[in-house]
């Protein structure tokens, strides 16, 4: 599998899989009508954000962290049949502990 190595303050996140959803009456909701999960696991992290004074701010997240992110965060990419999100660290709302 090829590796994604993000630059600067970018983070690669693998979104957790969607669970099959049914209504109370047993109707299965199609994938097109479902909301995508806003929870994922950090796969790779860039070196950190470059501040205006030239210093580098190290990232707060690390590979393996479970994170919550904004619904429309990041750019979805597919690599070797797997889907990933590449987003700025600023788009991550929280780390799940």
N, C-alpha and C. Protein backbone atom coordinates (compact mmCIF):
# COMPACT_ATOMS: atom_id res chain seq x y z
N UNK A 1 0.84 -1.19 0.00
CA UNK A 1 0.00 0.00 0.00
C UNK A 1 0.88 1.24 0.00
N UNK A 2 0.54 2.19 -0.83
CA UNK A 2 1.25 3.46 -0.87
C UNK A 2 0.92 4.26 0.40
N UNK A 3 1.86 5.10 0.80
CA UNK A 3 1.64 5.91 2.00
C UNK A 3 1.39 7.35 1.60
N UNK A 4 0.51 7.99 2.36
CA UNK A 4 0.26 9.42 2.19
C UNK A 4 1.06 10.14 3.27
N UNK A 5 1.91 11.06 2.87
CA UNK A 5 2.68 11.85 3.83
C UNK A 5 2.25 13.29 3.69
N UNK A 6 1.41 13.76 4.61
CA UNK A 6 0.89 15.13 4.50
C UNK A 6 1.97 16.17 4.78
N UNK A 7 1.75 17.35 4.23
CA UNK A 7 2.69 18.46 4.42
C UNK A 7 2.16 19.43 5.47
N UNK A 8 3.09 20.10 6.14
CA UNK A 8 2.81 21.17 7.09
C UNK A 8 1.77 20.78 8.14
N UNK A 9 0.62 21.48 8.18
CA UNK A 9 -0.36 21.22 9.24
C UNK A 9 -1.48 20.28 8.76
N UNK A 10 -1.25 19.56 7.69
CA UNK A 10 -2.27 18.65 7.16
C UNK A 10 -2.24 17.31 7.90
N UNK A 11 -3.42 16.67 7.95
CA UNK A 11 -3.59 15.40 8.66
C UNK A 11 -4.36 14.46 7.74
N UNK A 12 -3.94 13.19 7.68
CA UNK A 12 -4.67 12.17 6.92
C UNK A 12 -5.50 11.38 7.92
N UNK A 13 -6.82 11.29 7.66
CA UNK A 13 -7.76 10.62 8.57
C UNK A 13 -8.51 9.54 7.80
N UNK A 14 -8.64 8.37 8.42
CA UNK A 14 -9.48 7.29 7.88
C UNK A 14 -10.80 7.36 8.60
N UNK A 15 -11.86 7.69 7.87
CA UNK A 15 -13.20 7.82 8.45
C UNK A 15 -13.67 6.44 8.90
N UNK A 16 -14.29 6.35 10.08
CA UNK A 16 -14.85 5.09 10.53
C UNK A 16 -15.99 4.67 9.62
N UNK A 17 -16.15 3.38 9.44
CA UNK A 17 -17.17 2.84 8.54
C UNK A 17 -18.57 3.18 9.03
N UNK A 18 -19.44 3.38 8.07
CA UNK A 18 -20.84 3.64 8.38
C UNK A 18 -21.53 2.33 8.74
N UNK A 19 -22.39 2.38 9.71
CA UNK A 19 -23.17 1.21 10.11
C UNK A 19 -24.45 1.17 9.28
N UNK A 20 -24.92 -0.05 8.99
CA UNK A 20 -26.20 -0.17 8.28
C UNK A 20 -27.30 0.38 9.17
N UNK A 21 -28.12 1.23 8.61
CA UNK A 21 -29.17 1.87 9.39
C UNK A 21 -30.53 1.45 8.87
N UNK A 22 -31.44 1.24 9.83
CA UNK A 22 -32.82 0.90 9.50
C UNK A 22 -33.75 1.85 10.24
N UNK A 23 -34.91 2.07 9.65
CA UNK A 23 -35.92 2.85 10.34
C UNK A 23 -36.60 1.95 11.36
N UNK A 24 -37.47 2.52 12.18
CA UNK A 24 -38.18 1.74 13.19
C UNK A 24 -39.04 0.65 12.56
N UNK A 25 -39.50 0.87 11.35
CA UNK A 25 -40.34 -0.12 10.68
C UNK A 25 -39.52 -1.16 9.90
N UNK A 26 -38.17 -1.04 9.93
CA UNK A 26 -37.32 -2.04 9.30
C UNK A 26 -36.85 -1.71 7.90
N UNK A 27 -37.14 -0.51 7.41
CA UNK A 27 -36.69 -0.11 6.08
C UNK A 27 -35.22 0.27 6.16
N UNK A 28 -34.40 -0.29 5.28
CA UNK A 28 -32.97 0.01 5.25
C UNK A 28 -32.76 1.34 4.53
N UNK A 29 -32.01 2.22 5.16
CA UNK A 29 -31.73 3.54 4.58
C UNK A 29 -30.55 3.39 3.61
N UNK A 30 -30.70 3.83 2.35
CA UNK A 30 -29.62 3.69 1.38
C UNK A 30 -28.43 4.59 1.71
N UNK A 31 -27.26 4.23 1.20
CA UNK A 31 -26.04 5.00 1.46
C UNK A 31 -26.17 6.45 1.05
N UNK A 32 -26.89 6.73 -0.01
CA UNK A 32 -27.00 8.10 -0.50
C UNK A 32 -27.79 9.00 0.45
N UNK A 33 -28.61 8.41 1.31
CA UNK A 33 -29.41 9.20 2.24
C UNK A 33 -28.78 9.31 3.62
N UNK A 34 -27.70 8.59 3.85
CA UNK A 34 -27.06 8.59 5.17
C UNK A 34 -26.10 9.76 5.31
N UNK A 35 -25.94 10.19 6.55
CA UNK A 35 -24.91 11.18 6.85
C UNK A 35 -23.62 10.43 7.13
N UNK A 36 -22.52 10.94 6.63
CA UNK A 36 -21.23 10.28 6.86
C UNK A 36 -20.78 10.52 8.30
N UNK A 37 -20.12 9.53 8.90
CA UNK A 37 -19.64 9.71 10.27
C UNK A 37 -18.62 10.85 10.36
N UNK A 38 -18.63 11.54 11.48
CA UNK A 38 -17.69 12.62 11.71
C UNK A 38 -16.59 12.18 12.67
N UNK A 39 -16.35 10.88 12.70
CA UNK A 39 -15.37 10.29 13.61
C UNK A 39 -14.41 9.46 12.77
N UNK A 40 -13.13 9.56 13.08
CA UNK A 40 -12.14 8.80 12.33
C UNK A 40 -10.86 8.63 13.12
N UNK A 41 -9.91 7.96 12.48
CA UNK A 41 -8.62 7.70 13.11
C UNK A 41 -7.52 8.36 12.28
N UNK A 42 -6.62 9.04 12.97
CA UNK A 42 -5.51 9.71 12.31
C UNK A 42 -4.54 8.65 11.79
N UNK A 43 -4.21 8.74 10.50
CA UNK A 43 -3.29 7.80 9.86
C UNK A 43 -1.89 8.39 9.78
N UNK A 44 -1.82 9.67 9.43
CA UNK A 44 -0.53 10.32 9.24
C UNK A 44 -0.67 11.81 9.52
N UNK A 45 0.43 12.43 9.97
CA UNK A 45 0.41 13.84 10.36
C UNK A 45 1.62 14.54 9.75
N UNK A 46 1.42 15.79 9.31
CA UNK A 46 2.51 16.59 8.78
C UNK A 46 3.43 17.07 9.89
N UNK A 47 4.45 17.84 9.51
CA UNK A 47 5.46 18.31 10.48
C UNK A 47 4.95 19.39 11.42
N UNK A 48 3.91 20.10 11.02
CA UNK A 48 3.37 21.16 11.86
C UNK A 48 3.19 22.44 11.09
N UNK A 49 2.48 23.34 11.72
CA UNK A 49 2.14 24.63 11.10
C UNK A 49 3.33 25.58 11.20
N UNK A 50 3.58 26.34 10.12
CA UNK A 50 4.63 27.36 10.12
C UNK A 50 3.97 28.68 10.51
N UNK A 51 4.44 29.27 11.59
CA UNK A 51 3.90 30.54 12.08
C UNK A 51 4.49 31.70 11.29
N UNK A 52 3.91 32.89 11.44
CA UNK A 52 4.38 34.06 10.69
C UNK A 52 5.81 34.45 11.05
N UNK A 53 6.25 34.14 12.28
CA UNK A 53 7.61 34.47 12.68
C UNK A 53 8.62 33.41 12.22
N UNK A 54 8.15 32.39 11.47
CA UNK A 54 9.04 31.37 10.93
C UNK A 54 9.18 30.13 11.80
N UNK A 55 8.67 30.18 13.02
CA UNK A 55 8.76 29.01 13.89
C UNK A 55 7.73 27.96 13.46
N UNK A 56 8.05 26.71 13.80
CA UNK A 56 7.15 25.62 13.46
C UNK A 56 6.43 25.16 14.72
N UNK A 57 5.09 25.12 14.64
CA UNK A 57 4.26 24.67 15.75
C UNK A 57 3.98 23.18 15.56
N UNK A 58 4.46 22.32 16.48
CA UNK A 58 4.24 20.88 16.29
C UNK A 58 2.75 20.53 16.37
N UNK A 59 2.33 19.47 15.67
CA UNK A 59 0.91 19.09 15.68
C UNK A 59 0.46 18.57 17.04
N UNK A 60 -0.83 18.75 17.34
CA UNK A 60 -1.39 18.27 18.60
C UNK A 60 -1.86 16.83 18.49
N UNK A 61 -2.16 16.37 17.27
CA UNK A 61 -2.62 14.99 17.07
C UNK A 61 -1.46 14.13 16.59
N UNK A 62 -1.61 12.82 16.78
CA UNK A 62 -0.59 11.88 16.34
C UNK A 62 -1.27 10.67 15.70
N UNK A 63 -0.55 9.93 14.89
CA UNK A 63 -1.16 8.75 14.28
C UNK A 63 -1.74 7.81 15.35
N UNK A 64 -2.94 7.30 15.07
CA UNK A 64 -3.62 6.42 16.01
C UNK A 64 -4.68 7.11 16.84
N UNK A 65 -4.64 8.46 16.91
CA UNK A 65 -5.65 9.20 17.67
C UNK A 65 -7.02 9.07 17.00
N UNK A 66 -8.06 8.90 17.82
CA UNK A 66 -9.44 8.96 17.32
C UNK A 66 -9.88 10.41 17.43
N UNK A 67 -10.42 10.94 16.35
CA UNK A 67 -10.77 12.36 16.32
C UNK A 67 -12.19 12.59 15.80
N UNK A 68 -12.74 13.74 16.21
CA UNK A 68 -14.03 14.22 15.72
C UNK A 68 -13.72 15.43 14.85
N UNK A 69 -14.34 15.48 13.68
CA UNK A 69 -14.07 16.58 12.76
C UNK A 69 -15.36 17.14 12.21
N UNK A 70 -15.26 18.30 11.61
CA UNK A 70 -16.38 19.00 11.01
C UNK A 70 -17.01 18.16 9.90
N UNK A 71 -18.31 18.26 9.72
CA UNK A 71 -19.05 17.45 8.73
C UNK A 71 -18.48 17.60 7.32
N UNK A 72 -18.10 18.80 6.94
CA UNK A 72 -17.61 19.04 5.59
C UNK A 72 -16.10 19.24 5.55
N UNK A 73 -15.40 18.71 6.52
CA UNK A 73 -13.96 18.92 6.63
C UNK A 73 -13.19 18.10 5.59
N UNK A 74 -12.10 18.66 5.15
CA UNK A 74 -11.14 17.94 4.36
C UNK A 74 -11.53 17.65 2.92
N UNK A 75 -10.61 16.98 2.26
CA UNK A 75 -10.76 16.55 0.88
C UNK A 75 -10.66 15.04 0.86
N UNK A 76 -11.65 14.38 0.27
CA UNK A 76 -11.64 12.93 0.22
C UNK A 76 -10.79 12.46 -0.95
N UNK A 77 -9.89 11.51 -0.66
CA UNK A 77 -9.05 10.92 -1.70
C UNK A 77 -9.14 9.40 -1.58
N UNK A 78 -8.95 8.72 -2.70
CA UNK A 78 -8.96 7.26 -2.70
C UNK A 78 -7.60 6.78 -3.16
N UNK A 79 -7.00 5.88 -2.39
CA UNK A 79 -5.68 5.36 -2.70
C UNK A 79 -5.69 3.85 -2.44
N UNK A 80 -5.37 3.07 -3.44
CA UNK A 80 -5.37 1.60 -3.34
C UNK A 80 -6.70 1.06 -2.83
N UNK A 81 -7.80 1.66 -3.28
CA UNK A 81 -9.13 1.18 -2.91
C UNK A 81 -9.62 1.63 -1.54
N UNK A 82 -8.83 2.40 -0.82
CA UNK A 82 -9.24 2.90 0.50
C UNK A 82 -9.48 4.40 0.40
N UNK A 83 -10.49 4.87 1.14
CA UNK A 83 -10.81 6.30 1.14
C UNK A 83 -10.23 6.96 2.39
N UNK A 84 -9.63 8.12 2.19
CA UNK A 84 -9.04 8.90 3.26
C UNK A 84 -9.51 10.34 3.14
N UNK A 85 -9.42 11.07 4.23
CA UNK A 85 -9.65 12.51 4.24
C UNK A 85 -8.33 13.20 4.54
N UNK A 86 -8.01 14.22 3.76
CA UNK A 86 -6.85 15.06 4.05
C UNK A 86 -7.41 16.40 4.48
N UNK A 87 -7.08 16.81 5.71
CA UNK A 87 -7.62 18.05 6.26
C UNK A 87 -6.56 18.80 7.04
N UNK A 88 -6.83 20.07 7.28
CA UNK A 88 -5.96 20.86 8.16
C UNK A 88 -6.22 20.43 9.60
N UNK A 89 -5.19 20.55 10.41
CA UNK A 89 -5.36 20.21 11.82
C UNK A 89 -6.43 21.10 12.46
N UNK A 90 -6.60 22.32 11.96
CA UNK A 90 -7.61 23.25 12.47
C UNK A 90 -9.04 22.72 12.31
N UNK A 91 -9.25 21.81 11.34
CA UNK A 91 -10.59 21.26 11.10
C UNK A 91 -10.97 20.15 12.07
N UNK A 92 -10.00 19.69 12.85
CA UNK A 92 -10.28 18.66 13.85
C UNK A 92 -10.83 19.35 15.08
N UNK A 93 -11.99 18.88 15.54
CA UNK A 93 -12.67 19.53 16.66
C UNK A 93 -12.24 18.98 18.03
N UNK A 94 -11.95 17.67 18.10
CA UNK A 94 -11.61 17.07 19.38
C UNK A 94 -10.88 15.75 19.18
N UNK A 95 -10.15 15.34 20.21
CA UNK A 95 -9.52 14.02 20.26
C UNK A 95 -10.36 13.20 21.23
N UNK A 96 -10.76 11.99 20.81
CA UNK A 96 -11.54 11.10 21.66
C UNK A 96 -10.58 10.26 22.48
N UNK A 97 -10.72 10.33 23.80
CA UNK A 97 -9.81 9.56 24.68
C UNK A 97 -10.51 8.39 25.30
